[in-house]
């Protein structure tokens, strides 16, 4: 498995979430990719003050894939997370990615 430092990440995907427990795990599952590419990906889940289980779901992925997933817990409102990928993409938490998106 490739483990890249923050400066070697190819892409950062930001997933803003607020009370999306129904969709979040499905969305994050689509970002668990092959071991050889997982280290090139950074996924930031911005938990925008969710009142449901969204934060717990996001932290589970962060615990299981700590080199790829990070969770930012904050009160509801504006944010500007620090981005380390060469390219940045926003994905809504109800969206799903192709398993080949990093190589496409």
PDB file of N, CA and C in Angstrom:
ATOM      1  N   UNK A   1       0.843  -1.174   0.000  1.00  0.00           N
ATOM      2  CA  UNK A   1       0.000   0.000   0.000  1.00  0.00           C
ATOM      3  C   UNK A   1       0.886   1.234   0.000  1.00  0.00           C
ATOM      4  N   UNK A   2       0.552   2.210  -0.826  1.00  0.00           N
ATOM      5  CA  UNK A   2       1.276   3.470  -0.865  1.00  0.00           C
ATOM      6  C   UNK A   2       0.758   4.342   0.258  1.00  0.00           C
ATOM      7  N   UNK A   3       1.661   4.853   1.083  1.00  0.00           N
ATOM      8  CA  UNK A   3       1.280   5.794   2.125  1.00  0.00           C
ATOM      9  C   UNK A   3       1.986   7.098   1.807  1.00  0.00           C
ATOM     10  N   UNK A   4       1.239   8.082   1.385  1.00  0.00           N
ATOM     11  CA  UNK A   4       1.812   9.364   0.994  1.00  0.00           C
ATOM     12  C   UNK A   4       1.683  10.351   2.140  1.00  0.00           C
ATOM     13  N   UNK A   5       2.659  11.222   2.257  1.00  0.00           N
ATOM     14  CA  UNK A   5       2.545  12.294   3.243  1.00  0.00           C
ATOM     15  C   UNK A   5       1.514  13.289   2.735  1.00  0.00           C
ATOM     16  N   UNK A   6       1.143  14.235   3.599  1.00  0.00           N
ATOM     17  CA  UNK A   6       0.127  15.210   3.222  1.00  0.00           C
ATOM     18  C   UNK A   6       0.523  15.969   1.963  1.00  0.00           C
ATOM     19  N   UNK A   7       1.801  16.228   1.768  1.00  0.00           N
ATOM     20  CA  UNK A   7       2.234  16.966   0.589  1.00  0.00           C
ATOM     21  C   UNK A   7       2.235  16.111  -0.674  1.00  0.00           C
ATOM     22  N   UNK A   8       2.132  14.811  -0.561  1.00  0.00           N
ATOM     23  CA  UNK A   8       2.140  13.914  -1.712  1.00  0.00           C
ATOM     24  C   UNK A   8       0.747  13.471  -2.133  1.00  0.00           C
ATOM     25  N   UNK A   9      -0.285  13.954  -1.480  1.00  0.00           N
ATOM     26  CA  UNK A   9      -1.639  13.578  -1.855  1.00  0.00           C
ATOM     27  C   UNK A   9      -1.945  14.129  -3.243  1.00  0.00           C
ATOM     28  N   UNK A  10      -2.562  13.313  -4.052  1.00  0.00           N
ATOM     29  CA  UNK A  10      -2.901  13.713  -5.412  1.00  0.00           C
ATOM     30  C   UNK A  10      -4.180  14.542  -5.449  1.00  0.00           C
ATOM     31  N   UNK A  11      -5.148  14.149  -4.629  1.00  0.00           N
ATOM     32  CA  UNK A  11      -6.443  14.829  -4.645  1.00  0.00           C
ATOM     33  C   UNK A  11      -7.007  14.879  -3.233  1.00  0.00           C
ATOM     34  N   UNK A  12      -7.656  15.985  -2.926  1.00  0.00           N
ATOM     35  CA  UNK A  12      -8.399  16.147  -1.682  1.00  0.00           C
ATOM     36  C   UNK A  12      -9.868  16.268  -2.041  1.00  0.00           C
ATOM     37  N   UNK A  13     -10.683  15.437  -1.422  1.00  0.00           N
ATOM     38  CA  UNK A  13     -12.128  15.503  -1.623  1.00  0.00           C
ATOM     39  C   UNK A  13     -12.740  15.987  -0.323  1.00  0.00           C
ATOM     40  N   UNK A  14     -13.519  17.043  -0.401  1.00  0.00           N
ATOM     41  CA  UNK A  14     -14.160  17.613   0.775  1.00  0.00           C
ATOM     42  C   UNK A  14     -15.630  17.243   0.744  1.00  0.00           C
ATOM     43  N   UNK A  15     -16.097  16.669   1.840  1.00  0.00           N
ATOM     44  CA  UNK A  15     -17.492  16.260   1.928  1.00  0.00           C
ATOM     45  C   UNK A  15     -18.133  16.999   3.095  1.00  0.00           C
ATOM     46  N   UNK A  16     -18.845  18.083   2.795  1.00  0.00           N
ATOM     47  CA  UNK A  16     -19.564  18.769   3.869  1.00  0.00           C
ATOM     48  C   UNK A  16     -20.773  17.929   4.263  1.00  0.00           C
ATOM     49  N   UNK A  17     -21.004  17.803   5.553  1.00  0.00           N
ATOM     50  CA  UNK A  17     -22.145  16.996   5.981  1.00  0.00           C
ATOM     51  C   UNK A  17     -22.868  17.660   7.144  1.00  0.00           C
ATOM     52  N   UNK A  18     -24.162  17.608   7.077  1.00  0.00           N
ATOM     53  CA  UNK A  18     -25.018  18.086   8.162  1.00  0.00           C
ATOM     54  C   UNK A  18     -26.241  17.181   8.189  1.00  0.00           C
ATOM     55  N   UNK A  19     -26.333  16.372   9.233  1.00  0.00           N
ATOM     56  CA  UNK A  19     -27.472  15.470   9.427  1.00  0.00           C
ATOM     57  C   UNK A  19     -27.740  14.588   8.200  1.00  0.00           C
ATOM     58  N   UNK A  20     -26.684  13.923   7.728  1.00  0.00           N
ATOM     59  CA  UNK A  20     -26.806  13.078   6.538  1.00  0.00           C
ATOM     60  C   UNK A  20     -26.480  11.615   6.837  1.00  0.00           C
ATOM     61  N   UNK A  21     -26.807  11.156   8.036  1.00  0.00           N
ATOM     62  CA  UNK A  21     -26.460   9.785   8.410  1.00  0.00           C
ATOM     63  C   UNK A  21     -27.027   8.752   7.446  1.00  0.00           C
ATOM     64  N   UNK A  22     -28.118   9.051   6.821  1.00  0.00           N
ATOM     65  CA  UNK A  22     -28.753   8.100   5.898  1.00  0.00           C
ATOM     66  C   UNK A  22     -27.894   7.836   4.653  1.00  0.00           C
ATOM     67  N   UNK A  23     -27.087   8.822   4.237  1.00  0.00           N
ATOM     68  CA  UNK A  23     -26.331   8.727   2.991  1.00  0.00           C
ATOM     69  C   UNK A  23     -24.817   8.669   3.164  1.00  0.00           C
ATOM     70  N   UNK A  24     -24.312   9.087   4.307  1.00  0.00           N
ATOM     71  CA  UNK A  24     -22.884   9.309   4.458  1.00  0.00           C
ATOM     72  C   UNK A  24     -22.044   8.046   4.274  1.00  0.00           C
ATOM     73  N   UNK A  25     -22.422   6.938   4.885  1.00  0.00           N
ATOM     74  CA  UNK A  25     -21.628   5.704   4.764  1.00  0.00           C
ATOM     75  C   UNK A  25     -21.553   5.244   3.305  1.00  0.00           C
ATOM     76  N   UNK A  26     -22.655   5.343   2.576  1.00  0.00           N
ATOM     77  CA  UNK A  26     -22.638   4.955   1.162  1.00  0.00           C
ATOM     78  C   UNK A  26     -21.687   5.843   0.372  1.00  0.00           C
ATOM     79  N   UNK A  27     -21.710   7.121   0.662  1.00  0.00           N
ATOM     80  CA  UNK A  27     -20.813   8.063  -0.005  1.00  0.00           C
ATOM     81  C   UNK A  27     -19.359   7.727   0.310  1.00  0.00           C
ATOM     82  N   UNK A  28     -19.033   7.541   1.581  1.00  0.00           N
ATOM     83  CA  UNK A  28     -17.651   7.271   1.983  1.00  0.00           C
ATOM     84  C   UNK A  28     -17.174   5.914   1.492  1.00  0.00           C
ATOM     85  N   UNK A  29     -18.074   4.939   1.423  1.00  0.00           N
ATOM     86  CA  UNK A  29     -17.696   3.622   0.887  1.00  0.00           C
ATOM     87  C   UNK A  29     -17.159   3.731  -0.537  1.00  0.00           C
ATOM     88  N   UNK A  30     -17.712   4.636  -1.324  1.00  0.00           N
ATOM     89  CA  UNK A  30     -17.261   4.763  -2.706  1.00  0.00           C
ATOM     90  C   UNK A  30     -15.871   5.379  -2.795  1.00  0.00           C
ATOM     91  N   UNK A  31     -15.376   5.938  -1.693  1.00  0.00           N
ATOM     92  CA  UNK A  31     -14.047   6.536  -1.672  1.00  0.00           C
ATOM     93  C   UNK A  31     -12.987   5.605  -1.093  1.00  0.00           C
ATOM     94  N   UNK A  32     -13.384   4.418  -0.678  1.00  0.00           N
ATOM     95  CA  UNK A  32     -12.429   3.395  -0.255  1.00  0.00           C
ATOM     96  C   UNK A  32     -12.012   2.668  -1.527  1.00  0.00           C
ATOM     97  N   UNK A  33     -10.793   2.957  -1.965  1.00  0.00           N
ATOM     98  CA  UNK A  33     -10.323   2.473  -3.261  1.00  0.00           C
ATOM     99  C   UNK A  33      -9.192   1.475  -3.060  1.00  0.00           C
ATOM    100  N   UNK A  34      -8.576   1.063  -4.131  1.00  0.00           N
ATOM    101  CA  UNK A  34      -7.512   0.059  -4.067  1.00  0.00           C
ATOM    102  C   UNK A  34      -6.365   0.529  -3.172  1.00  0.00           C
ATOM    103  N   UNK A  35      -5.710  -0.411  -2.530  1.00  0.00           N
ATOM    104  CA  UNK A  35      -4.612  -0.104  -1.618  1.00  0.00           C
ATOM    105  C   UNK A  35      -3.515   0.716  -2.285  1.00  0.00           C
ATOM    106  N   UNK A  36      -3.223   0.417  -3.550  1.00  0.00           N
ATOM    107  CA  UNK A  36      -2.124   1.128  -4.205  1.00  0.00           C
ATOM    108  C   UNK A  36      -2.453   2.600  -4.477  1.00  0.00           C
ATOM    109  N   UNK A  37      -3.727   2.965  -4.495  1.00  0.00           N
ATOM    110  CA  UNK A  37      -4.114   4.354  -4.729  1.00  0.00           C
ATOM    111  C   UNK A  37      -4.630   5.075  -3.483  1.00  0.00           C
ATOM    112  N   UNK A  38      -4.957   4.324  -2.450  1.00  0.00           N
ATOM    113  CA  UNK A  38      -5.561   4.926  -1.260  1.00  0.00           C
ATOM    114  C   UNK A  38      -4.656   5.988  -0.636  1.00  0.00           C
ATOM    115  N   UNK A  39      -3.356   5.796  -0.673  1.00  0.00           N
ATOM    116  CA  UNK A  39      -2.435   6.758  -0.081  1.00  0.00           C
ATOM    117  C   UNK A  39      -2.336   8.067  -0.827  1.00  0.00           C
ATOM    118  N   UNK A  40      -2.847   8.107  -2.061  1.00  0.00           N
ATOM    119  CA  UNK A  40      -2.812   9.327  -2.861  1.00  0.00           C
ATOM    120  C   UNK A  40      -4.037  10.207  -2.631  1.00  0.00           C
ATOM    121  N   UNK A  41      -4.985   9.707  -1.878  1.00  0.00           N
ATOM    122  CA  UNK A  41      -6.273  10.358  -1.684  1.00  0.00           C
ATOM    123  C   UNK A  41      -6.383  10.911  -0.274  1.00  0.00           C
ATOM    124  N   UNK A  42      -6.932  12.107  -0.160  1.00  0.00           N
ATOM    125  CA  UNK A  42      -7.283  12.693   1.130  1.00  0.00           C
ATOM    126  C   UNK A  42      -8.771  13.003   1.090  1.00  0.00           C
ATOM    127  N   UNK A  43      -9.492  12.534   2.099  1.00  0.00           N
ATOM    128  CA  UNK A  43     -10.924  12.803   2.203  1.00  0.00           C
ATOM    129  C   UNK A  43     -11.152  13.575   3.497  1.00  0.00           C
ATOM    130  N   UNK A  44     -11.668  14.792   3.371  1.00  0.00           N
ATOM    131  CA  UNK A  44     -12.015  15.605   4.530  1.00  0.00           C
ATOM    132  C   UNK A  44     -13.527  15.615   4.673  1.00  0.00           C
ATOM    133  N   UNK A  45     -14.008  15.091   5.779  1.00  0.00           N
ATOM    134  CA  UNK A  45     -15.435  15.159   6.067  1.00  0.00           C
ATOM    135  C   UNK A  45     -15.612  16.305   7.053  1.00  0.00           C
ATOM    136  N   UNK A  46     -16.329  17.333   6.633  1.00  0.00           N
ATOM    137  CA  UNK A  46     -16.579  18.477   7.494  1.00  0.00           C
ATOM    138  C   UNK A  46     -17.958  18.291   8.106  1.00  0.00           C
ATOM    139  N   UNK A  47     -17.968  17.899   9.380  1.00  0.00           N
ATOM    140  CA  UNK A  47     -19.205  17.684  10.115  1.00  0.00           C
ATOM    141  C   UNK A  47     -19.648  19.039  10.651  1.00  0.00           C
ATOM    142  N   UNK A  48     -20.636  19.608  10.014  1.00  0.00           N
ATOM    143  CA  UNK A  48     -21.063  20.975  10.264  1.00  0.00           C
ATOM    144  C   UNK A  48     -22.130  21.043  11.363  1.00  0.00           C
ATOM    145  N   UNK A  49     -21.790  20.510  12.535  1.00  0.00           N
ATOM    146  CA  UNK A  49     -22.707  20.580  13.672  1.00  0.00           C
ATOM    147  C   UNK A  49     -23.871  19.614  13.598  1.00  0.00           C
ATOM    148  N   UNK A  50     -23.686  18.465  12.973  1.00  0.00           N
ATOM    149  CA  UNK A  50     -24.767  17.485  12.828  1.00  0.00           C
ATOM    150  C   UNK A  50     -25.333  17.075  14.180  1.00  0.00           C
ATOM    151  N   UNK A  51     -26.633  16.874  14.198  1.00  0.00           N
ATOM    152  CA  UNK A  51     -27.328  16.422  15.416  1.00  0.00           C
ATOM    153  C   UNK A  51     -27.620  14.925  15.366  1.00  0.00           C
ATOM    154  N   UNK A  52     -27.314  14.272  14.244  1.00  0.00           N
ATOM    155  CA  UNK A  52     -27.568  12.836  14.098  1.00  0.00           C
ATOM    156  C   UNK A  52     -26.250  12.067  14.215  1.00  0.00           C
ATOM    157  N   UNK A  53     -26.170  10.901  13.645  1.00  0.00           N
ATOM    158  CA  UNK A  53     -24.983  10.035  13.758  1.00  0.00           C
ATOM    159  C   UNK A  53     -23.928  10.317  12.680  1.00  0.00           C
ATOM    160  N   UNK A  54     -24.054  11.379  11.931  1.00  0.00           N
ATOM    161  CA  UNK A  54     -23.094  11.680  10.865  1.00  0.00           C
ATOM    162  C   UNK A  54     -21.665  11.758  11.394  1.00  0.00           C
ATOM    163  N   UNK A  55     -21.459  12.427  12.513  1.00  0.00           N
ATOM    164  CA  UNK A  55     -20.122  12.543  13.094  1.00  0.00           C
ATOM    165  C   UNK A  55     -19.546  11.202  13.485  1.00  0.00           C
ATOM    166  N   UNK A  56     -20.346  10.371  14.096  1.00  0.00           N
ATOM    167  CA  UNK A  56     -19.883   9.034  14.503  1.00  0.00           C
ATOM    168  C   UNK A  56     -19.503   8.199  13.281  1.00  0.00           C
ATOM    169  N   UNK A  57     -20.285   8.272  12.222  1.00  0.00           N
ATOM    170  CA  UNK A  57     -19.987   7.533  10.990  1.00  0.00           C
ATOM    171  C   UNK A  57     -18.670   8.028  10.400  1.00  0.00           C
ATOM    172  N   UNK A  58     -18.504   9.336  10.302  1.00  0.00           N
ATOM    173  CA  UNK A  58     -17.282   9.909   9.732  1.00  0.00           C
ATOM    174  C   UNK A  58     -16.057   9.509  10.553  1.00  0.00           C
ATOM    175  N   UNK A  59     -16.172   9.543  11.874  1.00  0.00           N
ATOM    176  CA  UNK A  59     -15.041   9.176  12.728  1.00  0.00           C
ATOM    177  C   UNK A  59     -14.703   7.684  12.620  1.00  0.00           C
ATOM    178  N   UNK A  60     -15.677   6.854  12.307  1.00  0.00           N
ATOM    179  CA  UNK A  60     -15.395   5.428  12.104  1.00  0.00           C
ATOM    180  C   UNK A  60     -14.463   5.255  10.902  1.00  0.00           C
ATOM    181  N   UNK A  61     -14.748   5.960   9.807  1.00  0.00           N
ATOM    182  CA  UNK A  61     -13.877   5.890   8.626  1.00  0.00           C
ATOM    183  C   UNK A  61     -12.502   6.465   8.928  1.00  0.00           C
ATOM    184  N   UNK A  62     -12.455   7.536   9.677  1.00  0.00           N
ATOM    185  CA  UNK A  62     -11.172   8.128  10.053  1.00  0.00           C
ATOM    186  C   UNK A  62     -10.346   7.139  10.875  1.00  0.00           C
ATOM    187  N   UNK A  63     -10.977   6.403  11.766  1.00  0.00           N
ATOM    188  CA  UNK A  63     -10.283   5.401  12.568  1.00  0.00           C
ATOM    189  C   UNK A  63      -9.812   4.209  11.749  1.00  0.00           C
ATOM    190  N   UNK A  64     -10.605   3.801  10.782  1.00  0.00           N
ATOM    191  CA  UNK A  64     -10.253   2.643   9.965  1.00  0.00           C
ATOM    192  C   UNK A  64      -9.224   2.986   8.885  1.00  0.00           C
ATOM    193  N   UNK A  65      -9.270   4.195   8.350  1.00  0.00           N
ATOM    194  CA  UNK A  65      -8.371   4.632   7.270  1.00  0.00           C
ATOM    195  C   UNK A  65      -7.722   5.970   7.646  1.00  0.00           C
ATOM    196  N   UNK A  66      -6.893   5.983   8.682  1.00  0.00           N
ATOM    197  CA  UNK A  66      -6.369   7.259   9.196  1.00  0.00           C
ATOM    198  C   UNK A  66      -5.450   8.011   8.237  1.00  0.00           C
ATOM    199  N   UNK A  67      -4.841   7.335   7.284  1.00  0.00           N
ATOM    200  CA  UNK A  67      -3.969   8.015   6.336  1.00  0.00           C
ATOM    201  C   UNK A  67      -4.760   8.719   5.232  1.00  0.00           C
ATOM    202  N   UNK A  68      -6.047   8.431   5.131  1.00  0.00           N
ATOM    203  CA  UNK A  68      -6.867   8.968   4.043  1.00  0.00           C
ATOM    204  C   UNK A  68      -7.997   9.865   4.544  1.00  0.00           C
ATOM    205  N   UNK A  69      -8.731   9.419   5.543  1.00  0.00           N
ATOM    206  CA  UNK A  69      -9.909  10.149   6.004  1.00  0.00           C
ATOM    207  C   UNK A  69      -9.577  11.027   7.209  1.00  0.00           C
ATOM    208  N   UNK A  70     -10.048  12.269   7.158  1.00  0.00           N
ATOM    209  CA  UNK A  70      -9.958  13.170   8.302  1.00  0.00           C
ATOM    210  C   UNK A  70     -11.335  13.783   8.526  1.00  0.00           C
ATOM    211  N   UNK A  71     -11.653  14.012   9.785  1.00  0.00           N
ATOM    212  CA  UNK A  71     -12.935  14.610  10.135  1.00  0.00           C
ATOM    213  C   UNK A  71     -12.671  15.950  10.811  1.00  0.00           C
ATOM    214  N   UNK A  72     -13.383  16.940  10.366  1.00  0.00           N
ATOM    215  CA  UNK A  72     -13.349  18.248  11.009  1.00  0.00           C
ATOM    216  C   UNK A  72     -14.729  18.459  11.616  1.00  0.00           C
ATOM    217  N   UNK A  73     -14.794  18.487  12.948  1.00  0.00           N
ATOM    218  CA  UNK A  73     -16.046  18.742  13.653  1.00  0.00           C
ATOM    219  C   UNK A  73     -16.103  20.223  13.996  1.00  0.00           C
ATOM    220  N   UNK A  74     -17.183  20.852  13.642  1.00  0.00           N
ATOM    221  CA  UNK A  74     -17.311  22.283  13.911  1.00  0.00           C
ATOM    222  C   UNK A  74     -18.772  22.647  14.108  1.00  0.00           C
ATOM    223  N   UNK A  75     -18.967  23.815  14.681  1.00  0.00           N
ATOM    224  CA  UNK A  75     -20.323  24.323  14.799  1.00  0.00           C
ATOM    225  C   UNK A  75     -20.816  24.713  13.413  1.00  0.00           C
ATOM    226  N   UNK A  76     -22.117  24.718  13.240  1.00  0.00           N
ATOM    227  CA  UNK A  76     -22.718  25.046  11.959  1.00  0.00           C
ATOM    228  C   UNK A  76     -22.306  26.441  11.513  1.00  0.00           C
ATOM    229  N   UNK A  77     -21.849  26.552  10.249  1.00  0.00           N
ATOM    230  CA  UNK A  77     -21.452  27.845   9.706  1.00  0.00           C
ATOM    231  C   UNK A  77     -20.338  27.713   8.691  1.00  0.00           C
ATOM    232  N   UNK A  78     -19.725  28.831   8.314  1.00  0.00           N
ATOM    233  CA  UNK A  78     -18.678  28.852   7.288  1.00  0.00           C
ATOM    234  C   UNK A  78     -17.411  28.155   7.742  1.00  0.00           C
ATOM    235  N   UNK A  79     -16.613  27.689   6.775  1.00  0.00           N
ATOM    236  CA  UNK A  79     -15.347  27.034   7.084  1.00  0.00           C
ATOM    237  C   UNK A  79     -14.387  27.191   5.923  1.00  0.00           C
ATOM    238  N   UNK A  80     -13.106  27.073   6.217  1.00  0.00           N
ATOM    239  CA  UNK A  80     -12.064  27.050   5.190  1.00  0.00           C
ATOM    240  C   UNK A  80     -11.008  26.065   5.659  1.00  0.00           C
ATOM    241  N   UNK A  81     -11.207  24.765   5.383  1.00  0.00           N
ATOM    242  CA  UNK A  81     -10.227  23.774   5.837  1.00  0.00           C
ATOM    243  C   UNK A  81      -8.900  23.917   5.104  1.00  0.00           C
ATOM    244  N   UNK A  82      -7.859  23.448   5.719  1.00  0.00           N
ATOM    245  CA  UNK A  82      -6.549  23.450   5.081  1.00  0.00           C
ATOM    246  C   UNK A  82      -6.498  22.296   4.092  1.00  0.00           C
ATOM    247  N   UNK A  83      -6.176  22.571   2.858  1.00  0.00           N
ATOM    248  CA  UNK A  83      -6.188  21.576   1.797  1.00  0.00           C
ATOM    249  C   UNK A  83      -4.765  21.217   1.417  1.00  0.00           C
ATOM    250  N   UNK A  84      -4.491  19.917   1.248  1.00  0.00           N
ATOM    251  CA  UNK A  84      -3.139  19.491   0.932  1.00  0.00           C
ATOM    252  C   UNK A  84      -3.024  18.786  -0.407  1.00  0.00           C
ATOM    253  N   UNK A  85      -4.127  18.472  -1.050  1.00  0.00           N
ATOM    254  CA  UNK A  85      -4.063  17.793  -2.344  1.00  0.00           C
ATOM    255  C   UNK A  85      -3.690  18.754  -3.458  1.00  0.00           C
ATOM    256  N   UNK A  86      -3.151  18.219  -4.530  1.00  0.00           N
ATOM    257  CA  UNK A  86      -2.832  19.026  -5.698  1.00  0.00           C
ATOM    258  C   UNK A  86      -4.126  19.503  -6.355  1.00  0.00           C
ATOM    259  N   UNK A  87      -5.117  18.648  -6.358  1.00  0.00           N
ATOM    260  CA  UNK A  87      -6.442  18.979  -6.872  1.00  0.00           C
ATOM    261  C   UNK A  87      -7.441  18.815  -5.748  1.00  0.00           C
ATOM    262  N   UNK A  88      -8.449  19.640  -5.744  1.00  0.00           N
ATOM    263  CA  UNK A  88      -9.476  19.602  -4.707  1.00  0.00           C
ATOM    264  C   UNK A  88     -10.816  19.390  -5.389  1.00  0.00           C
ATOM    265  N   UNK A  89     -11.618  18.492  -4.832  1.00  0.00           N
ATOM    266  CA  UNK A  89     -12.953  18.245  -5.371  1.00  0.00           C
ATOM    267  C   UNK A  89     -13.947  18.241  -4.223  1.00  0.00           C
ATOM    268  N   UNK A  90     -15.107  18.815  -4.448  1.00  0.00           N
ATOM    269  CA  UNK A  90     -16.188  18.740  -3.477  1.00  0.00           C
ATOM    270  C   UNK A  90     -17.132  17.647  -3.926  1.00  0.00           C
ATOM    271  N   UNK A  91     -17.587  16.858  -2.971  1.00  0.00           N
ATOM    272  CA  UNK A  91     -18.560  15.818  -3.268  1.00  0.00           C
ATOM    273  C   UNK A  91     -19.652  15.935  -2.233  1.00  0.00           C
ATOM    274  N   UNK A  92     -20.866  16.025  -2.665  1.00  0.00           N
ATOM    275  CA  UNK A  92     -21.964  16.086  -1.711  1.00  0.00           C
ATOM    276  C   UNK A  92     -22.122  14.716  -1.079  1.00  0.00           C
ATOM    277  N   UNK A  93     -22.550  14.688   0.173  1.00  0.00           N
ATOM    278  CA  UNK A  93     -22.542  13.426   0.907  1.00  0.00           C
ATOM    279  C   UNK A  93     -23.585  12.430   0.430  1.00  0.00           C
ATOM    280  N   UNK A  94     -24.475  12.804  -0.433  1.00  0.00           N
ATOM    281  CA  UNK A  94     -25.411  11.834  -1.014  1.00  0.00           C
ATOM    282  C   UNK A  94     -24.890  11.291  -2.341  1.00  0.00           C
ATOM    283  N   UNK A  95     -23.755  11.838  -2.810  1.00  0.00           N
ATOM    284  CA  UNK A  95     -23.170  11.403  -4.076  1.00  0.00           C
ATOM    285  C   UNK A  95     -22.294  10.171  -3.874  1.00  0.00           C
ATOM    286  N   UNK A  96     -22.065   9.466  -4.960  1.00  0.00           N
ATOM    287  CA  UNK A  96     -21.169   8.313  -4.945  1.00  0.00           C
ATOM    288  C   UNK A  96     -20.160   8.477  -6.060  1.00  0.00           C
ATOM    289  N   UNK A  97     -18.951   7.984  -5.828  1.00  0.00           N
ATOM    290  CA  UNK A  97     -17.887   8.078  -6.825  1.00  0.00           C
ATOM    291  C   UNK A  97     -17.709   6.757  -7.541  1.00  0.00           C
ATOM    292  N   UNK A  98     -17.201   6.839  -8.755  1.00  0.00           N
ATOM    293  CA  UNK A  98     -16.795   5.641  -9.480  1.00  0.00           C
ATOM    294  C   UNK A  98     -15.580   5.062  -8.778  1.00  0.00           C
ATOM    295  N   UNK A  99     -15.460   3.734  -8.678  1.00  0.00           N
ATOM    296  CA  UNK A  99     -14.285   3.152  -8.032  1.00  0.00           C
ATOM    297  C   UNK A  99     -12.995   3.444  -8.777  1.00  0.00           C
ATOM    298  N   UNK A 100     -13.074   3.967  -9.986  1.00  0.00           N
ATOM    299  CA  UNK A 100     -11.889   4.245 -10.794  1.00  0.00           C
ATOM    300  C   UNK A 100     -11.641   5.744 -10.947  1.00  0.00           C
ATOM    301  N   UNK A 101     -12.256   6.569 -10.114  1.00  0.00           N
ATOM    302  CA  UNK A 101     -12.155   8.006 -10.311  1.00  0.00           C
ATOM    303  C   UNK A 101     -10.740   8.533 -10.225  1.00  0.00           C
ATOM    304  N   UNK A 102      -9.883   7.918  -9.424  1.00  0.00           N
ATOM    305  CA  UNK A 102      -8.515   8.417  -9.268  1.00  0.00           C
ATOM    306  C   UNK A 102      -7.679   8.121 -10.498  1.00  0.00           C
ATOM    307  N   UNK A 103      -7.984   7.039 -11.208  1.00  0.00           N
ATOM    308  CA  UNK A 103      -7.207   6.680 -12.379  1.00  0.00           C
ATOM    309  C   UNK A 103      -7.802   7.229 -13.679  1.00  0.00           C
ATOM    310  N   UNK A 104      -9.030   7.724 -13.616  1.00  0.00           N
ATOM    311  CA  UNK A 104      -9.689   8.270 -14.820  1.00  0.00           C
ATOM    312  C   UNK A 104      -9.115   9.608 -15.216  1.00  0.00           C
TER     313      UNK A 104
END
